[in-house]
């Protein structure tokens, strides 16, 4: 399961805007980030733009905006190269930052984005997200039917584990790129484990396509929906449990109907062929036609009882 938009509402609100350089004030950090995010519809972008509007901070139009897959955005704002990235990017590019501050914000349930301007870490924005009320129920329900819930997220590990502890997921893979999610699913499959993937974002598309069953949240991106086998139109994770229940009941009805049809043929065809004719038992064509019609009606009625489940 993805985290943002799947286990959480995906409705971010800014809790902290913090300059990390004497060159930039908090308002300038938010202004540059809002400029870059103005070309994005990611939930984190929506939260930053909402905060800029709330503080009446205007922002210029960005140039050359490029998506850094699974990491953030890059572009030019008023002639300066700027990036919005996750902490992993800072680690991989040997850029220094206060890791204790990151842990402090993540432990409070924040997703943290960093702003880099001209190769300098200029500031950060921390955003909180509400966990969906049905998330815990869904996880507990999956465990009850012996399915192991696993979280795959591109967010930092501290925040991921904070969400995981609240919903009951202990197996967590954080800081992932889209290809990382796909590789993890493939590793489970290589170990003989069938995998269902539930997600809503562009970053989830490769994983949804790789999984044995891909399930897209209805409010997610078109790419995710197109990559999935099943769409939860109400965007409610607890519908995953209804999906399993429906599949189980449908399979049971299929088996019942198969045995009804097979049982009819096993008995009726030999009788119609005259197997018991020597002892005076003959099935007339008219009676056979009636029985065939009754068989069809019984199968249809039995299938309709799915609505009662």
C-alpha atoms as a PDB file:
ATOM      1  CA  UNK A   1       0.000   0.000   0.000  1.00  0.00           C
ATOM      2  CA  UNK A   2       1.129   3.513  -0.821  1.00  0.00           C
ATOM      3  CA  UNK A   3       0.847   6.024   2.029  1.00  0.00           C
ATOM      4  CA  UNK A   4      -0.164   9.457   0.727  1.00  0.00           C
ATOM      5  CA  UNK A   5      -3.712   9.445  -0.609  1.00  0.00           C
ATOM      6  CA  UNK A   6      -4.170   5.764   0.216  1.00  0.00           C
ATOM      7  CA  UNK A   7      -3.707   5.467   3.970  1.00  0.00           C
ATOM      8  CA  UNK A   8      -3.800   9.245   4.461  1.00  0.00           C
ATOM      9  CA  UNK A   9      -6.163  11.865   3.101  1.00  0.00           C
ATOM     10  CA  UNK A  10      -3.510  13.460   0.885  1.00  0.00           C
ATOM     11  CA  UNK A  11      -4.805  16.835   2.064  1.00  0.00           C
ATOM     12  CA  UNK A  12      -1.638  18.510   3.301  1.00  0.00           C
ATOM     13  CA  UNK A  13      -1.449  21.674   5.370  1.00  0.00           C
ATOM     14  CA  UNK A  14       1.758  23.572   6.067  1.00  0.00           C
ATOM     15  CA  UNK A  15       2.815  23.446   9.704  1.00  0.00           C
ATOM     16  CA  UNK A  16       6.349  24.887   9.434  1.00  0.00           C
ATOM     17  CA  UNK A  17       8.142  27.189   6.993  1.00  0.00           C
ATOM     18  CA  UNK A  18      11.757  27.570   8.008  1.00  0.00           C
ATOM     19  CA  UNK A  19      14.716  29.364   6.430  1.00  0.00           C
ATOM     20  CA  UNK A  20      18.019  27.487   6.680  1.00  0.00           C
ATOM     21  CA  UNK A  21      20.190  30.302   5.354  1.00  0.00           C
ATOM     22  CA  UNK A  22      20.783  33.905   6.358  1.00  0.00           C
ATOM     23  CA  UNK A  23      20.222  34.864   2.719  1.00  0.00           C
ATOM     24  CA  UNK A  24      16.539  33.937   2.803  1.00  0.00           C
ATOM     25  CA  UNK A  25      13.602  34.883   4.965  1.00  0.00           C
ATOM     26  CA  UNK A  26      10.807  32.396   5.639  1.00  0.00           C
ATOM     27  CA  UNK A  27       8.488  34.303   3.287  1.00  0.00           C
ATOM     28  CA  UNK A  28      11.033  34.087   0.464  1.00  0.00           C
ATOM     29  CA  UNK A  29      11.429  30.355   0.964  1.00  0.00           C
ATOM     30  CA  UNK A  30       7.667  29.901   0.670  1.00  0.00           C
ATOM     31  CA  UNK A  31       7.490  32.252  -2.326  1.00  0.00           C
ATOM     32  CA  UNK A  32      10.100  30.347  -4.353  1.00  0.00           C
ATOM     33  CA  UNK A  33       8.597  26.974  -3.457  1.00  0.00           C
ATOM     34  CA  UNK A  34       5.124  28.179  -4.419  1.00  0.00           C
ATOM     35  CA  UNK A  35       6.495  29.412  -7.731  1.00  0.00           C
ATOM     36  CA  UNK A  36       7.923  25.996  -8.619  1.00  0.00           C
ATOM     37  CA  UNK A  37       4.881  24.121  -7.321  1.00  0.00           C
ATOM     38  CA  UNK A  38       2.471  26.279  -9.337  1.00  0.00           C
ATOM     39  CA  UNK A  39       3.000  23.828 -12.232  1.00  0.00           C
ATOM     40  CA  UNK A  40       2.219  20.741 -10.140  1.00  0.00           C
ATOM     41  CA  UNK A  41      -0.965  19.111  -8.856  1.00  0.00           C
ATOM     42  CA  UNK A  42       0.805  16.908  -6.301  1.00  0.00           C
ATOM     43  CA  UNK A  43      -0.847  17.016  -2.832  1.00  0.00           C
ATOM     44  CA  UNK A  44       2.307  18.563  -1.357  1.00  0.00           C
ATOM     45  CA  UNK A  45       2.217  21.266  -4.042  1.00  0.00           C
ATOM     46  CA  UNK A  46      -1.427  22.017  -3.264  1.00  0.00           C
ATOM     47  CA  UNK A  47      -0.546  22.481   0.421  1.00  0.00           C
ATOM     48  CA  UNK A  48       2.302  24.906  -0.341  1.00  0.00           C
ATOM     49  CA  UNK A  49       0.193  26.967  -2.745  1.00  0.00           C
ATOM     50  CA  UNK A  50      -2.639  27.122  -0.206  1.00  0.00           C
ATOM     51  CA  UNK A  51      -0.236  28.424   2.456  1.00  0.00           C
ATOM     52  CA  UNK A  52       1.157  31.081   0.083  1.00  0.00           C
ATOM     53  CA  UNK A  53      -2.383  32.241  -0.642  1.00  0.00           C
ATOM     54  CA  UNK A  54      -3.205  32.237   3.060  1.00  0.00           C
ATOM     55  CA  UNK A  55      -0.224  34.502   3.784  1.00  0.00           C
ATOM     56  CA  UNK A  56      -0.935  36.681   0.726  1.00  0.00           C
ATOM     57  CA  UNK A  57       2.470  35.876  -0.744  1.00  0.00           C
ATOM     58  CA  UNK A  58       2.656  36.415  -4.473  1.00  0.00           C
ATOM     59  CA  UNK A  59       5.078  34.428  -6.589  1.00  0.00           C
ATOM     60  CA  UNK A  60       6.561  34.816 -10.086  1.00  0.00           C
ATOM     61  CA  UNK A  61       6.051  32.371 -12.917  1.00  0.00           C
ATOM     62  CA  UNK A  62       8.791  29.716 -12.996  1.00  0.00           C
ATOM     63  CA  UNK A  63      10.772  28.659 -16.036  1.00  0.00           C
ATOM     64  CA  UNK A  64      12.070  25.291 -17.236  1.00  0.00           C
ATOM     65  CA  UNK A  65      10.195  23.324 -14.580  1.00  0.00           C
ATOM     66  CA  UNK A  66      11.166  19.641 -14.625  1.00  0.00           C
ATOM     67  CA  UNK A  67       9.900  16.765 -12.510  1.00  0.00           C
ATOM     68  CA  UNK A  68      12.642  14.803 -10.750  1.00  0.00           C
ATOM     69  CA  UNK A  69      11.070  11.349 -10.633  1.00  0.00           C
ATOM     70  CA  UNK A  70      10.255  10.300  -7.088  1.00  0.00           C
ATOM     71  CA  UNK A  71      12.178  13.256  -5.666  1.00  0.00           C
ATOM     72  CA  UNK A  72      10.657  16.650  -6.476  1.00  0.00           C
ATOM     73  CA  UNK A  73      10.949  19.526  -8.932  1.00  0.00           C
ATOM     74  CA  UNK A  74      13.618  21.686 -10.490  1.00  0.00           C
ATOM     75  CA  UNK A  75      13.335  24.965 -12.367  1.00  0.00           C
ATOM     76  CA  UNK A  76      14.349  28.584 -12.606  1.00  0.00           C
ATOM     77  CA  UNK A  77      12.765  31.332 -10.493  1.00  0.00           C
ATOM     78  CA  UNK A  78      13.776  34.897 -11.347  1.00  0.00           C
ATOM     79  CA  UNK A  79      17.030  33.716 -12.898  1.00  0.00           C
ATOM     80  CA  UNK A  80      18.040  31.427 -10.020  1.00  0.00           C
ATOM     81  CA  UNK A  81      18.193  27.642 -10.237  1.00  0.00           C
ATOM     82  CA  UNK A  82      15.915  26.132  -7.604  1.00  0.00           C
ATOM     83  CA  UNK A  83      14.897  22.641  -6.549  1.00  0.00           C
ATOM     84  CA  UNK A  84      12.318  21.184  -4.178  1.00  0.00           C
ATOM     85  CA  UNK A  85      13.520  17.812  -2.934  1.00  0.00           C
ATOM     86  CA  UNK A  86      13.307  15.230  -0.182  1.00  0.00           C
ATOM     87  CA  UNK A  87      16.012  14.621   2.405  1.00  0.00           C
ATOM     88  CA  UNK A  88      17.279  11.612   0.429  1.00  0.00           C
ATOM     89  CA  UNK A  89      18.355  13.949  -2.347  1.00  0.00           C
ATOM     90  CA  UNK A  90      20.415  15.964   0.113  1.00  0.00           C
ATOM     91  CA  UNK A  91      22.085  12.788   1.395  1.00  0.00           C
ATOM     92  CA  UNK A  92      22.843  11.487  -2.086  1.00  0.00           C
ATOM     93  CA  UNK A  93      24.343  14.817  -3.150  1.00  0.00           C
ATOM     94  CA  UNK A  94      26.309  15.377   0.071  1.00  0.00           C
ATOM     95  CA  UNK A  95      24.426  18.530   1.059  1.00  0.00           C
ATOM     96  CA  UNK A  96      24.465  19.208   4.790  1.00  0.00           C
ATOM     97  CA  UNK A  97      21.302  19.745   6.838  1.00  0.00           C
ATOM     98  CA  UNK A  98      20.079  19.264  10.383  1.00  0.00           C
ATOM     99  CA  UNK A  99      19.010  15.619  10.559  1.00  0.00           C
ATOM    100  CA  UNK A 100      17.805  15.984  14.136  1.00  0.00           C
ATOM    101  CA  UNK A 101      15.414  18.707  13.015  1.00  0.00           C
ATOM    102  CA  UNK A 102      14.149  16.432  10.249  1.00  0.00           C
ATOM    103  CA  UNK A 103      13.522  13.628  12.745  1.00  0.00           C
ATOM    104  CA  UNK A 104      11.768  16.030  15.109  1.00  0.00           C
ATOM    105  CA  UNK A 105       9.386  17.211  12.375  1.00  0.00           C
ATOM    106  CA  UNK A 106       8.827  13.697  10.991  1.00  0.00           C
ATOM    107  CA  UNK A 107       8.039  12.268  14.431  1.00  0.00           C
ATOM    108  CA  UNK A 108       5.262  14.851  14.705  1.00  0.00           C
ATOM    109  CA  UNK A 109       3.677  13.445  11.543  1.00  0.00           C
ATOM    110  CA  UNK A 110       5.104  15.886   8.992  1.00  0.00           C
ATOM    111  CA  UNK A 111       6.296  15.346   5.464  1.00  0.00           C
ATOM    112  CA  UNK A 112       9.356  17.576   4.935  1.00  0.00           C
ATOM    113  CA  UNK A 113      10.425  19.192   1.643  1.00  0.00           C
ATOM    114  CA  UNK A 114      13.684  21.097   1.206  1.00  0.00           C
ATOM    115  CA  UNK A 115      14.376  24.072  -1.037  1.00  0.00           C
ATOM    116  CA  UNK A 116      17.757  24.322  -2.773  1.00  0.00           C
ATOM    117  CA  UNK A 117      18.713  27.605  -4.450  1.00  0.00           C
ATOM    118  CA  UNK A 118      21.954  27.802  -6.431  1.00  0.00           C
ATOM    119  CA  UNK A 119      23.231  24.587  -4.786  1.00  0.00           C
ATOM    120  CA  UNK A 120      22.565  25.893  -1.269  1.00  0.00           C
ATOM    121  CA  UNK A 121      19.947  24.450   1.101  1.00  0.00           C
ATOM    122  CA  UNK A 122      17.795  27.537   1.570  1.00  0.00           C
ATOM    123  CA  UNK A 123      14.902  26.301   3.675  1.00  0.00           C
ATOM    124  CA  UNK A 124      12.284  23.689   4.392  1.00  0.00           C
ATOM    125  CA  UNK A 125       8.529  23.293   4.526  1.00  0.00           C
ATOM    126  CA  UNK A 126       6.901  20.712   6.788  1.00  0.00           C
ATOM    127  CA  UNK A 127       3.350  19.588   6.039  1.00  0.00           C
ATOM    128  CA  UNK A 128       0.977  17.438   8.031  1.00  0.00           C
ATOM    129  CA  UNK A 129      -1.536  14.981   6.599  1.00  0.00           C
ATOM    130  CA  UNK A 130      -4.518  13.327   8.278  1.00  0.00           C
ATOM    131  CA  UNK A 131      -4.757   9.540   8.387  1.00  0.00           C
ATOM    132  CA  UNK A 132      -7.953   8.224   6.812  1.00  0.00           C
ATOM    133  CA  UNK A 133     -10.428   7.049   9.493  1.00  0.00           C
ATOM    134  CA  UNK A 134     -10.829   3.715   7.685  1.00  0.00           C
ATOM    135  CA  UNK A 135      -7.088   2.997   7.428  1.00  0.00           C
ATOM    136  CA  UNK A 136      -6.743   1.151  10.753  1.00  0.00           C
ATOM    137  CA  UNK A 137      -9.895  -0.868  10.108  1.00  0.00           C
ATOM    138  CA  UNK A 138      -8.560  -1.865   6.699  1.00  0.00           C
ATOM    139  CA  UNK A 139      -5.185  -2.975   8.025  1.00  0.00           C
ATOM    140  CA  UNK A 140      -6.786  -4.969  10.860  1.00  0.00           C
ATOM    141  CA  UNK A 141      -9.186  -6.569   8.386  1.00  0.00           C
ATOM    142  CA  UNK A 142      -6.343  -7.622   6.080  1.00  0.00           C
ATOM    143  CA  UNK A 143      -4.473  -9.207   8.978  1.00  0.00           C
ATOM    144  CA  UNK A 144      -7.645 -11.052   9.997  1.00  0.00           C
ATOM    145  CA  UNK A 145      -7.797 -12.777   6.597  1.00  0.00           C
ATOM    146  CA  UNK A 146      -4.064 -13.562   6.765  1.00  0.00           C
ATOM    147  CA  UNK A 147      -2.880 -10.938   4.297  1.00  0.00           C
ATOM    148  CA  UNK A 148       0.269  -9.055   5.294  1.00  0.00           C
ATOM    149  CA  UNK A 149      -0.012  -5.257   4.860  1.00  0.00           C
ATOM    150  CA  UNK A 150       3.176  -3.532   3.676  1.00  0.00           C
ATOM    151  CA  UNK A 151       3.747   0.201   3.213  1.00  0.00           C
ATOM    152  CA  UNK A 152       5.722   1.468   0.209  1.00  0.00           C
ATOM    153  CA  UNK A 153       6.308   5.219   0.273  1.00  0.00           C
ATOM    154  CA  UNK A 154       8.602   7.819  -1.150  1.00  0.00           C
ATOM    155  CA  UNK A 155       8.432   9.812   2.073  1.00  0.00           C
ATOM    156  CA  UNK A 156      11.078   9.801   4.792  1.00  0.00           C
ATOM    157  CA  UNK A 157      11.284   6.835   7.134  1.00  0.00           C
ATOM    158  CA  UNK A 158      10.470   8.782  10.288  1.00  0.00           C
ATOM    159  CA  UNK A 159       7.138  10.020   8.958  1.00  0.00           C
ATOM    160  CA  UNK A 160       6.363   6.655   7.368  1.00  0.00           C
ATOM    161  CA  UNK A 161       6.912   4.809  10.645  1.00  0.00           C
ATOM    162  CA  UNK A 162       4.810   7.384  12.490  1.00  0.00           C
ATOM    163  CA  UNK A 163       1.891   6.655  10.149  1.00  0.00           C
ATOM    164  CA  UNK A 164       2.617   2.911  10.225  1.00  0.00           C
ATOM    165  CA  UNK A 165       2.452   2.773  14.023  1.00  0.00           C
ATOM    166  CA  UNK A 166      -0.924   4.500  13.985  1.00  0.00           C
ATOM    167  CA  UNK A 167      -2.524   2.212  11.398  1.00  0.00           C
ATOM    168  CA  UNK A 168      -0.816  -1.015  12.500  1.00  0.00           C
ATOM    169  CA  UNK A 169       1.694  -1.621   9.696  1.00  0.00           C
ATOM    170  CA  UNK A 170       5.125  -2.795  10.829  1.00  0.00           C
ATOM    171  CA  UNK A 171       6.644  -3.755   7.464  1.00  0.00           C
ATOM    172  CA  UNK A 172       7.622  -0.405   5.945  1.00  0.00           C
ATOM    173  CA  UNK A 173       9.806   0.573   2.982  1.00  0.00           C
ATOM    174  CA  UNK A 174      10.432   4.344   2.870  1.00  0.00           C
ATOM    175  CA  UNK A 175      12.342   6.822   0.725  1.00  0.00           C
ATOM    176  CA  UNK A 176      11.456   4.916  -2.440  1.00  0.00           C
ATOM    177  CA  UNK A 177      11.598   5.966  -6.080  1.00  0.00           C
ATOM    178  CA  UNK A 178       8.916   4.590  -8.450  1.00  0.00           C
ATOM    179  CA  UNK A 179      11.302   1.907  -9.733  1.00  0.00           C
ATOM    180  CA  UNK A 180      12.131   0.921  -6.157  1.00  0.00           C
ATOM    181  CA  UNK A 181       8.488   0.140  -5.426  1.00  0.00           C
ATOM    182  CA  UNK A 182       8.317  -2.047  -8.516  1.00  0.00           C
ATOM    183  CA  UNK A 183      11.506  -3.906  -7.547  1.00  0.00           C
ATOM    184  CA  UNK A 184      10.216  -4.610  -4.035  1.00  0.00           C
ATOM    185  CA  UNK A 185       6.993  -6.055  -5.430  1.00  0.00           C
ATOM    186  CA  UNK A 186       8.993  -8.186  -7.853  1.00  0.00           C
ATOM    187  CA  UNK A 187      11.128  -9.487  -4.981  1.00  0.00           C
ATOM    188  CA  UNK A 188       7.993 -10.645  -3.133  1.00  0.00           C
ATOM    189  CA  UNK A 189       6.758 -12.334  -6.309  1.00  0.00           C
ATOM    190  CA  UNK A 190      10.111 -14.040  -6.835  1.00  0.00           C
ATOM    191  CA  UNK A 191       9.685 -15.529  -3.364  1.00  0.00           C
ATOM    192  CA  UNK A 192       6.357 -17.027  -4.397  1.00  0.00           C
ATOM    193  CA  UNK A 193       4.116 -14.429  -2.765  1.00  0.00           C
ATOM    194  CA  UNK A 194       1.183 -13.003  -4.762  1.00  0.00           C
ATOM    195  CA  UNK A 195       0.994  -9.230  -4.386  1.00  0.00           C
ATOM    196  CA  UNK A 196      -1.815  -6.702  -4.490  1.00  0.00           C
ATOM    197  CA  UNK A 197      -0.677  -3.081  -4.777  1.00  0.00           C
ATOM    198  CA  UNK A 198      -2.902  -0.170  -3.750  1.00  0.00           C
ATOM    199  CA  UNK A 199      -1.904   3.370  -4.759  1.00  0.00           C
ATOM    200  CA  UNK A 200      -3.056   6.641  -6.251  1.00  0.00           C
ATOM    201  CA  UNK A 201      -0.106   8.586  -7.650  1.00  0.00           C
ATOM    202  CA  UNK A 202       2.059   8.744 -10.749  1.00  0.00           C
ATOM    203  CA  UNK A 203       4.866   7.226  -8.682  1.00  0.00           C
ATOM    204  CA  UNK A 204       2.700   4.156  -8.035  1.00  0.00           C
ATOM    205  CA  UNK A 205       1.992   3.342 -11.695  1.00  0.00           C
ATOM    206  CA  UNK A 206       4.953   0.961 -12.270  1.00  0.00           C
ATOM    207  CA  UNK A 207       4.158  -0.891  -9.026  1.00  0.00           C
ATOM    208  CA  UNK A 208       0.464  -1.148  -9.919  1.00  0.00           C
ATOM    209  CA  UNK A 209       1.369  -2.616 -13.301  1.00  0.00           C
ATOM    210  CA  UNK A 210       3.882  -5.064 -11.787  1.00  0.00           C
ATOM    211  CA  UNK A 211       1.592  -6.406  -9.037  1.00  0.00           C
ATOM    212  CA  UNK A 212      -0.589  -9.467  -9.538  1.00  0.00           C
ATOM    213  CA  UNK A 213      -3.540  -7.173  -8.815  1.00  0.00           C
ATOM    214  CA  UNK A 214      -3.248  -3.399  -9.069  1.00  0.00           C
ATOM    215  CA  UNK A 215      -5.825  -1.349  -7.162  1.00  0.00           C
ATOM    216  CA  UNK A 216      -6.085   2.395  -7.790  1.00  0.00           C
ATOM    217  CA  UNK A 217      -7.733   4.903  -5.484  1.00  0.00           C
ATOM    218  CA  UNK A 218     -10.513   6.599  -7.468  1.00  0.00           C
ATOM    219  CA  UNK A 219      -9.357  10.118  -6.572  1.00  0.00           C
ATOM    220  CA  UNK A 220      -5.841   9.340  -7.818  1.00  0.00           C
ATOM    221  CA  UNK A 221      -4.066  10.285 -11.016  1.00  0.00           C
ATOM    222  CA  UNK A 222      -5.170   9.081 -14.441  1.00  0.00           C
ATOM    223  CA  UNK A 223      -1.861   7.253 -14.893  1.00  0.00           C
ATOM    224  CA  UNK A 224      -2.418   5.230 -11.714  1.00  0.00           C
ATOM    225  CA  UNK A 225      -6.007   4.420 -12.672  1.00  0.00           C
ATOM    226  CA  UNK A 226      -4.964   3.312 -16.170  1.00  0.00           C
ATOM    227  CA  UNK A 227      -2.259   1.052 -14.695  1.00  0.00           C
ATOM    228  CA  UNK A 228      -4.598  -0.717 -12.268  1.00  0.00           C
ATOM    229  CA  UNK A 229      -6.910  -3.714 -12.578  1.00  0.00           C
ATOM    230  CA  UNK A 230      -9.411  -2.425 -10.014  1.00  0.00           C
ATOM    231  CA  UNK A 231     -10.500   1.118  -9.139  1.00  0.00           C
ATOM    232  CA  UNK A 232     -11.953   2.012  -5.730  1.00  0.00           C
ATOM    233  CA  UNK A 233     -14.336   4.729  -6.897  1.00  0.00           C
ATOM    234  CA  UNK A 234     -15.100   5.961  -3.364  1.00  0.00           C
ATOM    235  CA  UNK A 235     -11.369   6.314  -2.541  1.00  0.00           C
ATOM    236  CA  UNK A 236     -12.069   4.393   0.644  1.00  0.00           C
ATOM    237  CA  UNK A 237      -9.343   1.872   1.607  1.00  0.00           C
ATOM    238  CA  UNK A 238     -11.849  -0.279   3.504  1.00  0.00           C
ATOM    239  CA  UNK A 239     -13.377  -1.152   0.125  1.00  0.00           C
ATOM    240  CA  UNK A 240     -10.346  -3.418  -0.298  1.00  0.00           C
ATOM    241  CA  UNK A 241     -11.968  -5.695   2.275  1.00  0.00           C
ATOM    242  CA  UNK A 242     -15.270  -5.596   0.349  1.00  0.00           C
ATOM    243  CA  UNK A 243     -13.302  -6.486  -2.767  1.00  0.00           C
ATOM    244  CA  UNK A 244     -11.925  -9.640  -1.111  1.00  0.00           C
ATOM    245  CA  UNK A 245     -15.365 -10.513   0.269  1.00  0.00           C
ATOM    246  CA  UNK A 246     -16.961 -10.110  -3.161  1.00  0.00           C
ATOM    247  CA  UNK A 247     -14.241 -12.205  -4.786  1.00  0.00           C
ATOM    248  CA  UNK A 248     -14.688 -14.980  -2.207  1.00  0.00           C
ATOM    249  CA  UNK A 249     -18.487 -15.005  -2.503  1.00  0.00           C
ATOM    250  CA  UNK A 250     -18.353 -14.871  -6.300  1.00  0.00           C
ATOM    251  CA  UNK A 251     -15.978 -17.837  -6.409  1.00  0.00           C
ATOM    252  CA  UNK A 252     -18.280 -19.801  -4.110  1.00  0.00           C
ATOM    253  CA  UNK A 253     -21.291 -19.071  -6.333  1.00  0.00           C
ATOM    254  CA  UNK A 254     -19.340 -20.095  -9.429  1.00  0.00           C
ATOM    255  CA  UNK A 255     -18.498 -23.443  -7.824  1.00  0.00           C
ATOM    256  CA  UNK A 256     -22.116 -23.963  -6.710  1.00  0.00           C
ATOM    257  CA  UNK A 257     -23.451 -23.183 -10.181  1.00  0.00           C
ATOM    258  CA  UNK A 258     -20.837 -25.417 -11.794  1.00  0.00           C
ATOM    259  CA  UNK A 259     -21.889 -28.350  -9.633  1.00  0.00           C
ATOM    260  CA  UNK A 260     -25.568 -27.657 -10.280  1.00  0.00           C
ATOM    261  CA  UNK A 261     -25.026 -27.618 -14.034  1.00  0.00           C
ATOM    262  CA  UNK A 262     -22.702 -30.618 -13.957  1.00  0.00           C
ATOM    263  CA  UNK A 263     -25.040 -32.543 -11.653  1.00  0.00           C
ATOM    264  CA  UNK A 264     -27.962 -31.940 -13.995  1.00  0.00           C
ATOM    265  CA  UNK A 265     -25.971 -33.148 -17.001  1.00  0.00           C
ATOM    266  CA  UNK A 266     -24.530 -36.162 -15.171  1.00  0.00           C
ATOM    267  CA  UNK A 267     -28.062 -37.355 -14.392  1.00  0.00           C
ATOM    268  CA  UNK A 268     -30.175 -36.051 -17.272  1.00  0.00           C
ATOM    269  CA  UNK A 269     -27.972 -36.887 -20.284  1.00  0.00           C
ATOM    270  CA  UNK A 270     -27.699 -40.633 -19.536  1.00  0.00           C
ATOM    271  CA  UNK A 271     -31.444 -40.766 -18.886  1.00  0.00           C
ATOM    272  CA  UNK A 272     -32.173 -38.989 -22.147  1.00  0.00           C
ATOM    273  CA  UNK A 273     -29.828 -41.409 -23.925  1.00  0.00           C
ATOM    274  CA  UNK A 274     -31.914 -44.320 -22.629  1.00  0.00           C
ATOM    275  CA  UNK A 275     -29.456 -45.892 -20.199  1.00  0.00           C
ATOM    276  CA  UNK A 276     -32.341 -46.976 -17.953  1.00  0.00           C
ATOM    277  CA  UNK A 277     -34.734 -47.809 -20.811  1.00  0.00           C
ATOM    278  CA  UNK A 278     -34.451 -51.586 -20.192  1.00  0.00           C
ATOM    279  CA  UNK A 279     -36.113 -51.140 -16.829  1.00  0.00           C
ATOM    280  CA  UNK A 280     -38.744 -48.769 -18.173  1.00  0.00           C
ATOM    281  CA  UNK A 281     -37.269 -45.424 -17.145  1.00  0.00           C
ATOM    282  CA  UNK A 282     -37.188 -43.021 -20.062  1.00  0.00           C
ATOM    283  CA  UNK A 283     -36.732 -39.228 -19.981  1.00  0.00           C
ATOM    284  CA  UNK A 284     -38.874 -37.651 -22.666  1.00  0.00           C
ATOM    285  CA  UNK A 285     -37.510 -34.665 -24.648  1.00  0.00           C
ATOM    286  CA  UNK A 286     -40.284 -32.448 -23.268  1.00  0.00           C
ATOM    287  CA  UNK A 287     -39.322 -33.219 -19.662  1.00  0.00           C
ATOM    288  CA  UNK A 288     -35.638 -32.702 -20.534  1.00  0.00           C
ATOM    289  CA  UNK A 289     -36.429 -29.266 -21.955  1.00  0.00           C
ATOM    290  CA  UNK A 290     -38.304 -28.321 -18.789  1.00  0.00           C
ATOM    291  CA  UNK A 291     -35.444 -29.496 -16.588  1.00  0.00           C
ATOM    292  CA  UNK A 292     -32.966 -27.526 -18.691  1.00  0.00           C
ATOM    293  CA  UNK A 293     -35.034 -24.369 -18.217  1.00  0.00           C
ATOM    294  CA  UNK A 294     -35.301 -25.017 -14.471  1.00  0.00           C
ATOM    295  CA  UNK A 295     -31.532 -25.499 -14.292  1.00  0.00           C
ATOM    296  CA  UNK A 296     -30.947 -22.128 -15.974  1.00  0.00           C
ATOM    297  CA  UNK A 297     -33.402 -20.394 -13.617  1.00  0.00           C
ATOM    298  CA  UNK A 298     -31.814 -21.948 -10.511  1.00  0.00           C
ATOM    299  CA  UNK A 299     -28.313 -20.872 -11.614  1.00  0.00           C
ATOM    300  CA  UNK A 300     -29.530 -17.316 -12.249  1.00  0.00           C
ATOM    301  CA  UNK A 301     -31.360 -17.107  -8.906  1.00  0.00           C
ATOM    302  CA  UNK A 302     -28.364 -18.510  -7.059  1.00  0.00           C
ATOM    303  CA  UNK A 303     -26.132 -15.865  -8.649  1.00  0.00           C
ATOM    304  CA  UNK A 304     -28.550 -13.095  -7.671  1.00  0.00           C
ATOM    305  CA  UNK A 305     -28.202 -14.039  -3.990  1.00  0.00           C
ATOM    306  CA  UNK A 306     -24.775 -12.334  -4.125  1.00  0.00           C
ATOM    307  CA  UNK A 307     -26.700  -9.128  -3.516  1.00  0.00           C
ATOM    308  CA  UNK A 308     -27.693 -10.460  -0.109  1.00  0.00           C
ATOM    309  CA  UNK A 309     -24.063 -10.814   1.030  1.00  0.00           C
END
